[in-house]
Protein backbone atom coordinates (compact mmCIF):
# COMPACT_ATOMS: atom_id res chain seq x y z
CA MET A 1 14.75 -0.42 8.49
CA SER A 2 13.07 -1.28 11.78
CA GLU A 3 10.99 -4.41 12.17
CA ALA A 4 7.20 -4.65 11.98
CA GLN A 5 6.89 -1.72 9.61
CA LEU A 6 3.37 -0.32 9.29
CA ILE A 7 2.99 1.43 5.94
CA THR A 8 -0.43 2.87 5.19
CA ALA A 9 -1.85 2.86 1.67
CA LEU A 10 -3.21 6.34 1.00
CA PRO A 11 -6.76 6.75 -0.39
CA THR A 12 -7.31 9.53 -2.91
CA PRO A 13 -10.20 11.89 -2.07
CA PHE A 14 -12.37 13.32 -4.84
CA THR A 15 -14.98 16.07 -4.90
CA ALA A 16 -18.64 15.22 -5.51
CA ASP A 17 -18.07 15.64 -9.26
CA GLU A 18 -15.01 13.33 -9.11
CA ARG A 19 -12.30 15.97 -9.41
CA LEU A 20 -9.11 15.40 -7.41
CA ASP A 21 -9.60 16.98 -3.98
CA THR A 22 -6.10 18.23 -3.20
CA ASP A 23 -7.10 19.93 0.06
CA GLY A 24 -8.86 16.75 1.13
CA LEU A 25 -5.81 14.72 0.20
CA ILE A 26 -3.61 16.91 2.38
CA ALA A 27 -6.06 16.49 5.28
CA VAL A 28 -6.20 12.69 4.93
CA ALA A 29 -2.43 12.34 4.54
CA THR A 30 -1.82 14.61 7.55
CA ARG A 31 -4.22 12.66 9.76
CA ILE A 32 -2.59 9.37 8.76
CA CYS A 33 0.89 10.79 9.38
CA ASP A 34 -0.13 12.15 12.77
CA SER A 35 -1.54 8.75 13.78
CA GLY A 36 2.01 7.40 14.08
CA VAL A 37 2.31 4.95 11.19
CA ASP A 38 5.77 4.36 9.76
CA GLY A 39 5.13 5.55 6.23
CA VAL A 40 2.76 5.88 3.31
CA PHE A 41 2.23 4.02 0.03
CA ALA A 42 0.92 6.71 -2.30
CA ALA A 43 -1.03 6.41 -5.57
CA GLY A 44 -1.40 2.66 -5.30
CA THR A 45 -4.41 0.37 -5.54
CA THR A 46 -6.11 1.94 -2.49
CA GLY A 47 -5.40 5.32 -4.08
CA GLU A 48 -7.27 4.33 -7.27
CA PHE A 49 -4.18 4.85 -9.41
CA THR A 50 -5.79 3.24 -12.46
CA ALA A 51 -8.40 6.01 -12.41
CA LEU A 52 -5.85 8.86 -12.15
CA ASP A 53 -4.10 10.56 -15.03
CA ASP A 54 -0.35 11.01 -14.76
CA ASP A 55 -0.54 14.62 -13.58
CA GLU A 56 -2.98 13.62 -10.84
CA ARG A 57 -0.74 10.76 -9.77
CA LEU A 58 2.18 13.13 -9.48
CA THR A 59 0.07 15.53 -7.43
CA VAL A 60 -0.75 12.70 -5.04
CA LEU A 61 2.94 11.79 -4.80
CA ARG A 62 3.99 15.39 -4.14
CA VAL A 63 1.45 15.71 -1.33
CA ALA A 64 2.65 12.47 0.24
CA LEU A 65 6.27 13.61 0.00
CA GLU A 66 5.41 16.96 1.56
CA VAL A 67 3.49 15.42 4.47
CA PHE A 68 5.59 12.31 5.17
CA GLY A 69 8.97 13.28 3.75
CA PRO A 70 11.02 11.26 1.26
CA ASP A 71 12.23 8.61 3.71
CA ARG A 72 8.67 7.63 4.70
CA THR A 73 7.01 7.77 1.27
CA TYR A 74 6.72 4.88 -1.17
CA ALA A 75 5.83 6.60 -4.43
CA HIS A 76 3.92 4.20 -6.65
CA VAL A 77 4.74 4.66 -10.33
CA GLY A 78 3.73 1.29 -11.80
CA ALA A 79 1.98 1.19 -15.17
CA ALA A 80 0.85 -1.23 -17.82
CA ALA A 81 3.79 -0.25 -20.03
CA PRO A 82 7.41 0.39 -19.02
CA ARG A 83 7.56 3.69 -20.90
CA GLN A 84 4.88 5.21 -18.68
CA ALA A 85 6.42 3.73 -15.52
CA GLU A 86 9.80 5.20 -16.48
CA ARG A 87 8.30 8.64 -17.01
CA LEU A 88 6.49 8.54 -13.68
CA ALA A 89 9.59 7.26 -11.88
CA ARG A 90 11.72 10.11 -13.24
CA ALA A 91 9.09 12.66 -12.24
CA ALA A 92 8.67 11.18 -8.76
CA VAL A 93 12.41 11.19 -8.13
CA GLY A 94 12.55 14.72 -9.48
CA ALA A 95 9.95 15.67 -6.87
CA GLY A 96 12.14 14.21 -4.13
CA ALA A 97 11.13 10.55 -3.88
CA ARG A 98 13.79 8.17 -2.58
CA LYS A 99 11.56 5.08 -2.54
CA VAL A 100 9.68 4.13 -5.70
CA ALA A 101 7.24 1.23 -5.98
CA ALA A 102 5.93 -0.23 -9.22
CA ILE A 103 3.24 -2.79 -9.81
CA THR A 104 4.12 -5.32 -12.50
CA PRO A 105 2.86 -4.71 -16.04
CA PHE A 106 -0.88 -5.35 -15.99
CA TYR A 107 -3.89 -6.25 -18.11
CA LEU A 108 -1.77 -8.38 -20.46
CA PRO A 109 0.25 -10.99 -18.53
CA ALA A 110 3.98 -10.40 -18.92
CA PRO A 111 6.34 -13.40 -19.06
CA GLU A 112 9.13 -13.40 -16.51
CA ASP A 113 11.87 -12.10 -18.81
CA ALA A 114 9.65 -9.18 -19.86
CA LEU A 115 8.88 -8.55 -16.19
CA LEU A 116 12.59 -8.33 -15.45
CA ARG A 117 13.18 -5.93 -18.35
CA TYR A 118 10.36 -3.74 -17.05
CA PHE A 119 11.98 -3.47 -13.63
CA GLU A 120 15.43 -2.90 -15.14
CA ARG A 121 13.98 0.15 -16.88
CA VAL A 122 12.25 1.40 -13.73
CA VAL A 123 15.46 0.99 -11.72
CA ALA A 124 17.40 2.95 -14.33
CA ALA A 125 14.77 5.70 -14.44
CA ALA A 126 14.74 5.91 -10.64
CA ASP A 127 18.37 7.02 -10.79
CA GLY A 128 19.54 5.74 -7.40
CA ALA A 129 16.23 5.77 -5.55
CA GLN A 130 15.20 2.42 -4.07
CA VAL A 131 12.74 0.46 -6.19
CA PHE A 132 10.16 -1.93 -4.75
CA ALA A 133 8.30 -4.45 -6.90
CA TYR A 134 4.56 -4.72 -6.35
CA LEU A 135 3.30 -8.23 -7.17
CA PHE A 136 -0.48 -8.57 -7.43
CA GLN A 137 -1.31 -11.32 -9.91
CA ALA A 138 -5.02 -11.32 -9.08
CA ARG A 139 -5.32 -7.74 -10.36
CA SER A 140 -2.46 -7.47 -12.87
CA THR A 141 -2.73 -10.96 -14.49
CA THR A 142 1.09 -11.07 -14.56
CA PRO A 143 2.31 -14.24 -12.83
CA ALA A 144 5.33 -14.39 -10.56
CA ALA A 145 6.86 -17.42 -8.85
CA PRO A 146 8.83 -17.12 -5.59
CA PRO A 147 12.29 -17.54 -7.23
CA VAL A 148 11.71 -14.32 -9.21
CA LEU A 149 12.63 -12.36 -6.08
CA ARG A 150 16.29 -13.27 -6.55
CA ARG A 151 16.17 -12.17 -10.18
CA LEU A 152 14.54 -8.91 -9.15
CA ALA A 153 17.32 -8.31 -6.64
CA ASP A 154 19.87 -8.97 -9.39
CA VAL A 155 18.45 -6.12 -11.50
CA GLY A 156 18.55 -3.68 -8.57
CA VAL A 157 15.13 -4.02 -6.93
CA SER A 158 15.33 -3.42 -3.16
CA GLY A 159 12.21 -5.17 -1.96
CA VAL A 160 8.73 -6.41 -2.70
CA LYS A 161 5.10 -5.90 -1.77
CA ILE A 162 2.90 -8.95 -2.35
CA SER A 163 -0.88 -8.71 -2.42
CA GLY A 164 -3.70 -11.12 -3.17
CA GLU A 165 -1.83 -14.28 -2.16
CA SER A 166 -2.62 -16.88 0.49
CA ASP A 167 -0.52 -17.01 3.64
CA GLU A 168 1.09 -20.20 2.31
CA SER A 169 2.04 -18.49 -0.93
CA VAL A 170 3.44 -15.48 0.91
CA ALA A 171 5.55 -17.84 3.04
CA ALA A 172 6.93 -19.44 -0.12
CA PHE A 173 7.93 -16.03 -1.46
CA LEU A 174 9.47 -15.05 1.87
CA ALA A 175 11.60 -18.19 1.82
CA GLU A 176 13.10 -17.04 -1.50
CA ALA A 177 13.80 -13.44 -0.48
CA PRO A 178 17.52 -12.63 -0.62
CA ALA A 179 19.29 -11.28 2.44
CA GLY A 180 18.55 -7.60 2.94
CA PHE A 181 15.54 -7.68 0.62
CA ALA A 182 12.59 -5.77 2.14
CA PHE A 183 9.45 -7.91 2.21
CA PHE A 184 5.99 -6.41 2.64
CA SER A 185 2.57 -8.03 2.42
CA GLY A 186 -0.73 -6.38 1.58
CA ASN A 187 -2.65 -8.82 3.80
CA ASP A 188 -3.68 -6.73 6.81
CA VAL A 189 -5.00 -9.66 8.85
CA SER A 190 -1.69 -11.56 8.62
CA TYR A 191 0.52 -8.64 9.66
CA ALA A 192 1.67 -10.30 12.89
CA GLU A 193 2.24 -13.69 11.31
CA LEU A 194 4.37 -12.18 8.55
CA VAL A 195 6.55 -10.22 10.95
CA ARG A 196 7.05 -13.24 13.19
CA SER A 197 8.16 -15.18 10.10
CA GLY A 198 10.82 -12.61 9.24
CA GLY A 199 8.92 -10.22 6.95
CA THR A 200 9.48 -6.48 7.06
CA GLY A 201 5.88 -5.42 7.58
CA VAL A 202 2.53 -4.64 6.03
CA VAL A 203 1.26 -2.15 3.47
CA SER A 204 -2.22 -1.65 4.86
CA GLY A 205 -5.15 0.10 3.23
CA VAL A 206 -7.38 -0.53 6.24
CA SER A 207 -5.05 1.42 8.54
CA SER A 208 -5.91 4.58 6.60
CA VAL A 209 -9.32 4.43 8.29
CA PHE A 210 -8.55 2.50 11.48
CA PRO A 211 -4.87 3.00 12.38
CA GLU A 212 -5.29 2.38 16.10
CA PRO A 213 -5.36 -1.45 16.23
CA PHE A 214 -2.54 -1.69 13.70
CA ILE A 215 -0.35 0.68 15.71
CA ALA A 216 -1.12 -1.25 18.89
CA LEU A 217 -0.19 -4.49 17.15
CA ARG A 218 2.99 -3.02 15.70
CA ASP A 219 4.13 -1.74 19.07
CA ALA A 220 3.39 -5.10 20.70
CA LEU A 221 5.35 -6.92 18.00
CA ARG A 222 8.32 -4.62 18.46
CA THR A 223 8.39 -5.06 22.23
CA GLY A 224 7.59 -8.77 22.17
CA ASP A 225 4.43 -8.24 24.23
CA ALA A 226 2.45 -11.34 23.27
CA ALA A 227 -0.56 -10.42 25.40
CA ALA A 228 -0.87 -6.97 23.83
CA ALA A 229 -0.50 -8.47 20.35
CA ALA A 230 -3.23 -11.00 21.10
CA ALA A 231 -5.49 -8.20 22.32
CA ALA A 232 -4.89 -6.09 19.19
CA GLN A 233 -5.43 -8.86 16.65
CA PRO A 234 -9.25 -9.15 16.98
CA LEU A 235 -9.60 -5.40 16.49
CA VAL A 236 -7.42 -5.60 13.38
CA GLU A 237 -9.69 -8.35 12.07
CA ARG A 238 -12.80 -6.34 12.90
CA ALA A 239 -11.41 -3.30 11.07
CA VAL A 240 -10.62 -5.40 8.00
CA ALA A 241 -14.11 -6.89 8.01
CA ALA A 242 -15.74 -3.48 8.39
CA VAL A 243 -14.13 -2.16 5.21
CA LYS A 244 -14.72 -5.42 3.35
CA ALA A 245 -10.98 -6.14 3.17
CA GLY A 246 -10.25 -2.82 1.51
CA ASN A 247 -13.18 -2.15 -0.81
CA ILE A 248 -12.65 1.42 -2.01
CA ALA A 249 -16.22 2.56 -1.33
CA HIS A 250 -16.07 1.17 2.21
CA LEU A 251 -12.67 2.75 2.86
CA LYS A 252 -14.03 6.11 1.76
CA ALA A 253 -17.18 5.73 3.82
CA GLY A 254 -14.97 4.87 6.78
CA LEU A 255 -12.90 8.01 6.28
CA GLU A 256 -16.06 10.10 6.31
CA VAL A 257 -17.27 8.34 9.47
CA ARG A 258 -14.00 9.45 11.03
CA GLY A 259 -14.50 13.04 9.93
CA LEU A 260 -12.21 13.03 6.91
CA PRO A 261 -12.97 14.06 3.32
CA ALA A 262 -13.16 11.21 0.87
CA GLY A 263 -15.80 11.76 -1.79
CA PRO A 264 -16.99 9.10 -4.19
CA PRO A 265 -14.82 6.40 -5.74
CA ARG A 266 -13.87 6.84 -9.37
CA VAL A 267 -13.45 3.11 -9.81
CA SER A 268 -16.45 0.82 -10.10
CA CYS A 269 -16.92 -1.09 -6.86
CA ALA A 270 -19.49 -2.42 -4.44
CA SER A 271 -21.70 0.14 -2.71
CA VAL A 272 -22.02 0.70 1.02
CA SER A 273 -25.27 -0.47 2.58
CA ALA A 274 -26.92 1.03 5.65
CA ALA A 275 -25.80 -2.02 7.63
CA ASP A 276 -22.23 -1.60 6.39
CA LEU A 277 -22.24 2.04 7.42
CA ALA A 278 -23.53 1.14 10.86
CA GLU A 279 -20.72 -1.38 11.27
CA LEU A 280 -18.14 1.21 10.22
CA ARG A 281 -19.47 3.55 12.89
CA ALA A 282 -19.46 0.79 15.51
CA THR A 283 -15.91 -0.20 14.58
CA ALA A 284 -14.75 3.40 14.84
CA ALA A 285 -16.16 3.53 18.35
CA ALA A 286 -14.57 0.19 19.26
CA VAL A 287 -11.06 1.12 18.17
CA ALA A 288 -10.98 4.73 19.39
C-alpha cells in the first residue's frame, strides 16, 4: 500500500422522496473515481448507512465495486449487532469485495472483550478478505483504548480507521499500531500531519465534494514537496469549513453545487443556510 492514501467516503444520493438514487450513485462514484483519489469507503457514515436497509447497503457496495474495483473499495458492513455485520460481510465478499470495514458495535457500548468477539466474527465471515476496524466512539458509544489495536491484529484485523478523536489521541493510537497495520484517520484537516507521523492516510468525506486540494496535498506528500503541501493545506481547511466538517446536508449541497445528484439527507442534520450555500459556491470556484 502506497503512502499518503486518499480514500474518499462516498455519499449516498436519494431522490426527492428519499428513495435510493442508483443512477445518481453511479454518477457520484464515477466522478469521484475519475478525480484520481486512491479508493472509496462505501456505505459508511458519510453514506448514511444507519438510514439504509441491508439491501440498499449492498446496492451501494456493488456500485462502488463496479466503479472502483475490489482493490480500491472499502466495503463498510458494520452494524450494531455481530449477526447483521456477519451477514453483510458475507454478502459483500460474495459481490467481490476484498476489503471490508466495520464500525464497532454501536448504540450500546461494548466492553473490549465483546468488541474483540465482534471482530472475530466479522473476520471469519469475510472469508479471507481484509477487515478494517472503524473506531468512532463519539458516534458509537463503544470505547477503545490505543492498546486494543494489537488485540485487533491478533484476531485478524488488517487495519483501522479512527474518527472523532483529537490529534493527540490519534497519535496515541498510532504509537500502538503493530507493524504492517494500516492506519487511517477520518480527520481531513490533519491528513498531512498523520502521514508525516507514519499513518497510512485519510478517509475523507469532504474530498467527495472537493477532491482537488486533497489530491494536491497527497501528491505533495508523496514527492516531499513541502512548498506544494503548504499551499494545499489552506484549501483543504477551507473545504472542510465549507461543508461544516462533513455535515451530510452540506456535503449534499456541495455535490449539487458541483453539478452532481445528491438529493435530501435521510438522516436528521443541520440545514444549509443561504450563506452556507454561497460559501460552498465560492469554495468550489477557489479549488477548481
